[in-house]
Amino acid sequence: MKKVIRLTESDLTRIVKQVSEMMDVSSDSGYYTNRRRNIEIPFDEASRMYQMAKRFCRDKDNLPDCREIDSVAYKYNLNH
């Protein structure tokens, strides 16, 4: 049996707003800005994250984030 989830109108409005922001890929949208902010991490940790991402993305070439992994690794020379 499927679960029934009850939402208030404000919950539904908030969810719709979040989804619409996620679908807006223009460079000035809040969602895009938050996803593209710069962070700094040590090289060895970035390399370790790349190796984990490569394992996760094995046989998942159709996922957009998985398609970007190799280009990011090449850009930052993580694949050695």
Protein backbone atom coordinates (compact mmCIF):
# COMPACT_ATOMS: atom_id res chain seq x y z
CA MET A 1 0.00 0.00 0.00
CA LYS A 2 1.28 3.44 -0.91
CA LYS A 3 1.86 6.05 1.76
CA VAL A 4 -0.26 9.17 1.81
CA ILE A 5 1.56 12.38 2.62
CA ARG A 6 -0.39 15.41 3.70
CA LEU A 7 0.99 18.84 2.86
CA THR A 8 -0.15 22.26 3.84
CA GLU A 9 -0.58 24.86 1.14
CA SER A 10 2.55 26.64 2.35
CA ASP A 11 4.53 23.37 2.15
CA LEU A 12 3.37 22.82 -1.41
CA THR A 13 4.17 26.42 -2.36
CA ARG A 14 7.66 26.09 -0.89
CA ILE A 15 8.30 22.82 -2.77
CA VAL A 16 7.07 24.24 -6.07
CA LYS A 17 9.30 27.30 -5.58
CA GLN A 18 12.36 25.12 -4.89
CA VAL A 19 11.71 22.94 -7.93
CA SER A 20 11.21 25.94 -10.20
CA GLU A 21 14.50 27.42 -8.94
CA MET A 22 16.28 24.13 -9.62
CA MET A 23 14.90 24.08 -13.15
CA ASP A 24 16.02 27.67 -13.81
CA VAL A 25 19.58 27.22 -15.04
CA SER A 26 20.17 30.85 -15.91
CA SER A 27 23.35 32.18 -14.40
CA ASP A 28 21.53 34.64 -12.15
CA SER A 29 19.21 32.12 -10.47
CA GLY A 30 19.81 31.50 -6.78
CA TYR A 31 20.06 27.75 -7.22
CA TYR A 32 22.72 28.06 -9.93
CA THR A 33 24.68 30.60 -7.91
CA ASN A 34 24.69 28.35 -4.84
CA ARG A 35 25.82 25.32 -6.87
CA ARG A 36 28.67 27.22 -8.54
CA ARG A 37 30.30 28.93 -5.58
CA ASN A 38 34.02 28.39 -5.12
CA ILE A 39 35.43 26.23 -2.36
CA GLU A 40 38.98 25.33 -1.44
CA ILE A 41 40.06 21.83 -0.44
CA PRO A 42 43.48 20.16 -0.35
CA PHE A 43 44.56 18.49 -3.58
CA ASP A 44 44.76 15.00 -2.07
CA GLU A 45 41.17 15.24 -0.81
CA ALA A 46 39.97 16.43 -4.22
CA SER A 47 41.80 13.53 -5.85
CA ARG A 48 40.22 11.09 -3.38
CA MET A 49 36.76 12.55 -4.13
CA TYR A 50 37.42 12.12 -7.84
CA GLN A 51 38.28 8.44 -7.35
CA MET A 52 35.07 7.88 -5.35
CA ALA A 53 33.01 9.70 -7.97
CA LYS A 54 34.55 7.60 -10.75
CA ARG A 55 33.58 4.41 -8.89
CA PHE A 56 30.04 5.71 -8.32
CA CYS A 57 29.65 6.71 -11.96
CA ARG A 58 30.84 3.40 -13.40
CA ASP A 59 28.17 2.39 -15.98
CA LYS A 60 26.21 5.61 -15.33
CA ASP A 61 27.46 7.69 -18.25
CA ASN A 62 23.98 9.07 -18.88
CA LEU A 63 23.92 11.10 -15.65
CA PRO A 64 24.88 14.75 -16.28
CA ASP A 65 27.11 15.01 -13.21
CA CYS A 66 28.88 11.78 -14.15
CA ARG A 67 29.57 13.12 -17.62
CA GLU A 68 31.27 16.17 -16.11
CA ILE A 69 33.60 14.30 -13.77
CA ASP A 70 36.35 13.59 -16.29
CA SER A 71 36.40 17.17 -17.56
CA VAL A 72 36.75 18.52 -14.02
CA ALA A 73 39.47 15.96 -13.25
CA TYR A 74 41.35 16.97 -16.40
CA LYS A 75 40.98 20.66 -15.59
CA TYR A 76 42.50 20.22 -12.13
CA ASN A 77 44.86 17.35 -13.05
CA LEU A 78 43.22 14.94 -10.58
CA ASN A 79 43.42 11.77 -12.68
CA HIS A 80 46.91 10.57 -11.92
